[in-house]
C-alpha atoms as a PDB file:
ATOM      1  CA  UNK A   1     -44.160  13.356  19.963  1.00  0.00           C
ATOM      2  CA  UNK A   2     -44.062  14.497  16.353  1.00  0.00           C
ATOM      3  CA  UNK A   3     -42.877  12.071  13.705  1.00  0.00           C
ATOM      4  CA  UNK A   4     -39.564  13.258  12.203  1.00  0.00           C
ATOM      5  CA  UNK A   5     -39.804  14.362   8.583  1.00  0.00           C
ATOM      6  CA  UNK A   6     -36.653  13.479   6.652  1.00  0.00           C
ATOM      7  CA  UNK A   7     -34.957  13.255   3.285  1.00  0.00           C
ATOM      8  CA  UNK A   8     -32.509  10.379   2.880  1.00  0.00           C
ATOM      9  CA  UNK A   9     -29.371  11.229   0.932  1.00  0.00           C
ATOM     10  CA  UNK A  10     -28.330   8.697  -1.697  1.00  0.00           C
ATOM     11  CA  UNK A  11     -25.236   7.686   0.278  1.00  0.00           C
ATOM     12  CA  UNK A  12     -27.478   6.403   3.083  1.00  0.00           C
ATOM     13  CA  UNK A  13     -29.445   4.267   0.612  1.00  0.00           C
ATOM     14  CA  UNK A  14     -26.242   2.848  -0.894  1.00  0.00           C
ATOM     15  CA  UNK A  15     -24.690   2.122   2.516  1.00  0.00           C
ATOM     16  CA  UNK A  16     -27.851   0.441   3.752  1.00  0.00           C
ATOM     17  CA  UNK A  17     -27.975  -1.855   0.729  1.00  0.00           C
ATOM     18  CA  UNK A  18     -24.262  -2.700   0.753  1.00  0.00           C
ATOM     19  CA  UNK A  19     -24.286  -4.198   4.226  1.00  0.00           C
ATOM     20  CA  UNK A  20     -26.927  -5.597   6.508  1.00  0.00           C
ATOM     21  CA  UNK A  21     -25.009  -4.224   9.458  1.00  0.00           C
ATOM     22  CA  UNK A  22     -24.852  -0.651  10.546  1.00  0.00           C
ATOM     23  CA  UNK A  23     -27.150   2.253  11.086  1.00  0.00           C
ATOM     24  CA  UNK A  24     -28.066   2.806   7.416  1.00  0.00           C
ATOM     25  CA  UNK A  25     -29.430  -0.730   7.086  1.00  0.00           C
ATOM     26  CA  UNK A  26     -31.313  -0.401  10.384  1.00  0.00           C
ATOM     27  CA  UNK A  27     -32.768   2.901   9.191  1.00  0.00           C
ATOM     28  CA  UNK A  28     -33.923   1.378   5.889  1.00  0.00           C
ATOM     29  CA  UNK A  29     -35.695  -1.419   7.778  1.00  0.00           C
ATOM     30  CA  UNK A  30     -37.769   1.253   9.543  1.00  0.00           C
ATOM     31  CA  UNK A  31     -38.937   3.056   6.395  1.00  0.00           C
ATOM     32  CA  UNK A  32     -42.711   2.844   6.249  1.00  0.00           C
ATOM     33  CA  UNK A  33     -43.163   1.963   9.925  1.00  0.00           C
ATOM     34  CA  UNK A  34     -44.231   5.448  11.115  1.00  0.00           C
ATOM     35  CA  UNK A  35     -40.980   5.873  13.062  1.00  0.00           C
ATOM     36  CA  UNK A  36     -40.225   8.741  10.684  1.00  0.00           C
ATOM     37  CA  UNK A  37     -41.625   9.955   7.373  1.00  0.00           C
ATOM     38  CA  UNK A  38     -39.542  10.102   4.221  1.00  0.00           C
ATOM     39  CA  UNK A  39     -40.009  12.609   1.423  1.00  0.00           C
ATOM     40  CA  UNK A  40     -39.202  12.130  -2.262  1.00  0.00           C
ATOM     41  CA  UNK A  41     -39.129  14.054  -5.504  1.00  0.00           C
ATOM     42  CA  UNK A  42     -38.787  12.733  -9.049  1.00  0.00           C
ATOM     43  CA  UNK A  43     -35.175  13.948  -9.326  1.00  0.00           C
ATOM     44  CA  UNK A  44     -34.211  12.186  -6.083  1.00  0.00           C
ATOM     45  CA  UNK A  45     -35.887   8.934  -7.141  1.00  0.00           C
ATOM     46  CA  UNK A  46     -33.989   9.092 -10.436  1.00  0.00           C
ATOM     47  CA  UNK A  47     -30.763   9.689  -8.502  1.00  0.00           C
ATOM     48  CA  UNK A  48     -31.486   6.662  -6.282  1.00  0.00           C
ATOM     49  CA  UNK A  49     -32.155   4.516  -9.371  1.00  0.00           C
ATOM     50  CA  UNK A  50     -29.004   5.647 -11.168  1.00  0.00           C
ATOM     51  CA  UNK A  51     -26.769   5.165  -8.138  1.00  0.00           C
ATOM     52  CA  UNK A  52     -28.233   1.767  -7.268  1.00  0.00           C
ATOM     53  CA  UNK A  53     -27.953   0.504 -10.840  1.00  0.00           C
ATOM     54  CA  UNK A  54     -24.315   1.637 -10.900  1.00  0.00           C
ATOM     55  CA  UNK A  55     -23.666  -0.145  -7.573  1.00  0.00           C
ATOM     56  CA  UNK A  56     -25.692  -3.330  -8.174  1.00  0.00           C
ATOM     57  CA  UNK A  57     -22.628  -5.595  -8.022  1.00  0.00           C
ATOM     58  CA  UNK A  58     -21.797  -4.203  -4.542  1.00  0.00           C
ATOM     59  CA  UNK A  59     -25.296  -4.579  -3.085  1.00  0.00           C
ATOM     60  CA  UNK A  60     -26.716  -7.551  -1.231  1.00  0.00           C
ATOM     61  CA  UNK A  61     -29.828  -7.375  -3.407  1.00  0.00           C
ATOM     62  CA  UNK A  62     -30.208  -7.889  -7.145  1.00  0.00           C
ATOM     63  CA  UNK A  63     -31.548  -5.654  -9.895  1.00  0.00           C
ATOM     64  CA  UNK A  64     -35.155  -6.859  -9.467  1.00  0.00           C
ATOM     65  CA  UNK A  65     -35.025  -6.189  -5.745  1.00  0.00           C
ATOM     66  CA  UNK A  66     -33.619  -2.715  -6.441  1.00  0.00           C
ATOM     67  CA  UNK A  67     -36.741  -1.977  -8.495  1.00  0.00           C
ATOM     68  CA  UNK A  68     -38.920  -3.297  -5.653  1.00  0.00           C
ATOM     69  CA  UNK A  69     -36.963  -1.209  -3.137  1.00  0.00           C
ATOM     70  CA  UNK A  70     -37.502   1.986  -5.159  1.00  0.00           C
ATOM     71  CA  UNK A  71     -41.173   1.151  -5.699  1.00  0.00           C
ATOM     72  CA  UNK A  72     -41.709   0.597  -1.969  1.00  0.00           C
ATOM     73  CA  UNK A  73     -40.073   3.904  -1.104  1.00  0.00           C
ATOM     74  CA  UNK A  74     -42.232   5.681  -3.662  1.00  0.00           C
ATOM     75  CA  UNK A  75     -45.299   4.021  -2.164  1.00  0.00           C
ATOM     76  CA  UNK A  76     -44.639   5.029   1.450  1.00  0.00           C
ATOM     77  CA  UNK A  77     -43.024   8.440   0.900  1.00  0.00           C
ATOM     78  CA  UNK A  78     -44.676  11.808   0.717  1.00  0.00           C
ATOM     79  CA  UNK A  79     -44.011  13.010  -2.805  1.00  0.00           C
ATOM     80  CA  UNK A  80     -43.255  16.594  -3.790  1.00  0.00           C
ATOM     81  CA  UNK A  81     -42.797  18.672  -6.907  1.00  0.00           C
ATOM     82  CA  UNK A  82     -39.991  21.184  -6.677  1.00  0.00           C
ATOM     83  CA  UNK A  83     -40.963  24.627  -7.955  1.00  0.00           C
ATOM     84  CA  UNK A  84     -38.193  26.750  -6.462  1.00  0.00           C
ATOM     85  CA  UNK A  85     -34.496  25.962  -6.854  1.00  0.00           C
ATOM     86  CA  UNK A  86     -31.893  27.125  -4.351  1.00  0.00           C
ATOM     87  CA  UNK A  87     -28.986  26.331  -6.688  1.00  0.00           C
ATOM     88  CA  UNK A  88     -26.185  26.703  -6.429  1.00  0.00           C
ATOM     89  CA  UNK A  89     -26.148  26.644  -2.644  1.00  0.00           C
ATOM     90  CA  UNK A  90     -24.076  23.572  -1.801  1.00  0.00           C
ATOM     91  CA  UNK A  91     -20.891  22.322  -3.468  1.00  0.00           C
ATOM     92  CA  UNK A  92     -22.551  19.326  -5.140  1.00  0.00           C
ATOM     93  CA  UNK A  93     -25.644  19.841  -7.345  1.00  0.00           C
ATOM     94  CA  UNK A  94     -26.961  16.463  -6.180  1.00  0.00           C
ATOM     95  CA  UNK A  95     -26.828  17.742  -2.602  1.00  0.00           C
ATOM     96  CA  UNK A  96     -28.708  20.853  -3.724  1.00  0.00           C
ATOM     97  CA  UNK A  97     -31.437  18.486  -4.913  1.00  0.00           C
ATOM     98  CA  UNK A  98     -31.708  17.048  -1.374  1.00  0.00           C
ATOM     99  CA  UNK A  99     -31.779  20.562   0.105  1.00  0.00           C
ATOM    100  CA  UNK A 100     -34.494  21.730  -2.283  1.00  0.00           C
ATOM    101  CA  UNK A 101     -36.667  18.748  -1.404  1.00  0.00           C
ATOM    102  CA  UNK A 102     -36.100  19.205   2.327  1.00  0.00           C
ATOM    103  CA  UNK A 103     -37.088  22.888   2.092  1.00  0.00           C
ATOM    104  CA  UNK A 104     -40.148  22.187  -0.072  1.00  0.00           C
ATOM    105  CA  UNK A 105     -41.282  19.362   2.212  1.00  0.00           C
ATOM    106  CA  UNK A 106     -40.645  21.287   5.429  1.00  0.00           C
ATOM    107  CA  UNK A 107     -38.420  18.489   6.674  1.00  0.00           C
ATOM    108  CA  UNK A 108     -36.734  18.459  10.050  1.00  0.00           C
ATOM    109  CA  UNK A 109     -33.587  16.790   8.757  1.00  0.00           C
ATOM    110  CA  UNK A 110     -31.482  15.685   5.846  1.00  0.00           C
ATOM    111  CA  UNK A 111     -29.975  12.303   6.702  1.00  0.00           C
ATOM    112  CA  UNK A 112     -26.515  11.789   5.232  1.00  0.00           C
ATOM    113  CA  UNK A 113     -23.032  10.500   5.931  1.00  0.00           C
ATOM    114  CA  UNK A 114     -21.591  13.598   4.232  1.00  0.00           C
ATOM    115  CA  UNK A 115     -22.613  16.116   6.866  1.00  0.00           C
ATOM    116  CA  UNK A 116     -19.811  18.522   5.875  1.00  0.00           C
ATOM    117  CA  UNK A 117     -21.325  18.782   2.393  1.00  0.00           C
ATOM    118  CA  UNK A 118     -24.510  20.251   3.881  1.00  0.00           C
ATOM    119  CA  UNK A 119     -22.975  23.010   5.997  1.00  0.00           C
ATOM    120  CA  UNK A 120     -25.230  26.036   6.037  1.00  0.00           C
ATOM    121  CA  UNK A 121     -28.616  24.400   5.552  1.00  0.00           C
ATOM    122  CA  UNK A 122     -29.447  25.219   9.159  1.00  0.00           C
ATOM    123  CA  UNK A 123     -30.432  28.639   7.729  1.00  0.00           C
ATOM    124  CA  UNK A 124     -33.450  26.849   6.263  1.00  0.00           C
ATOM    125  CA  UNK A 125     -34.395  25.274   9.610  1.00  0.00           C
ATOM    126  CA  UNK A 126     -33.112  21.859   8.517  1.00  0.00           C
ATOM    127  CA  UNK A 127     -30.759  19.733  10.603  1.00  0.00           C
ATOM    128  CA  UNK A 128     -28.059  17.617   9.018  1.00  0.00           C
ATOM    129  CA  UNK A 129     -27.823  14.282  10.797  1.00  0.00           C
ATOM    130  CA  UNK A 130     -26.337  10.838  10.268  1.00  0.00           C
ATOM    131  CA  UNK A 131     -28.414   7.657  10.209  1.00  0.00           C
ATOM    132  CA  UNK A 132     -27.193   6.833  13.730  1.00  0.00           C
ATOM    133  CA  UNK A 133     -28.358  10.233  14.984  1.00  0.00           C
ATOM    134  CA  UNK A 134     -31.825   9.709  13.510  1.00  0.00           C
ATOM    135  CA  UNK A 135     -32.003   6.253  15.067  1.00  0.00           C
ATOM    136  CA  UNK A 136     -31.013   7.730  18.421  1.00  0.00           C
ATOM    137  CA  UNK A 137     -33.602  10.511  18.065  1.00  0.00           C
ATOM    138  CA  UNK A 138     -36.407   8.009  17.470  1.00  0.00           C
ATOM    139  CA  UNK A 139     -35.230   5.601  20.167  1.00  0.00           C
ATOM    140  CA  UNK A 140     -34.231   2.874  17.726  1.00  0.00           C
ATOM    141  CA  UNK A 141     -30.469   2.797  18.232  1.00  0.00           C
ATOM    142  CA  UNK A 142     -29.468  -0.628  19.436  1.00  0.00           C
END
């Protein structure tokens, strides 16, 4: 079986660090375990950092742990430079950033809670799935 190649939308990261319950948290605990591969770009890492710093008071980890979290993801992810922009394709430019990375990386899926915001990316051969759907696909849904 091939290892799923995914891009995690920022809302999945935020949800997983707000609560230690739920599919987003479970998904984050599997990052780096070869259950699936994550892909990152500099713009997405900067988006993660900005969103997490804005949400620090709502997270179960502190600012230092946020830095460690980002560093770990950068360590285990496959990193990509984006040379071709598809903008504007989606309603939100930050979602376009996820799409561009997924296309560049040849990902199977974009993992998000805002699936309606990614309507149409199937044209690029990319599925839009929720964290629970990814967990189910890899046999990790409890």
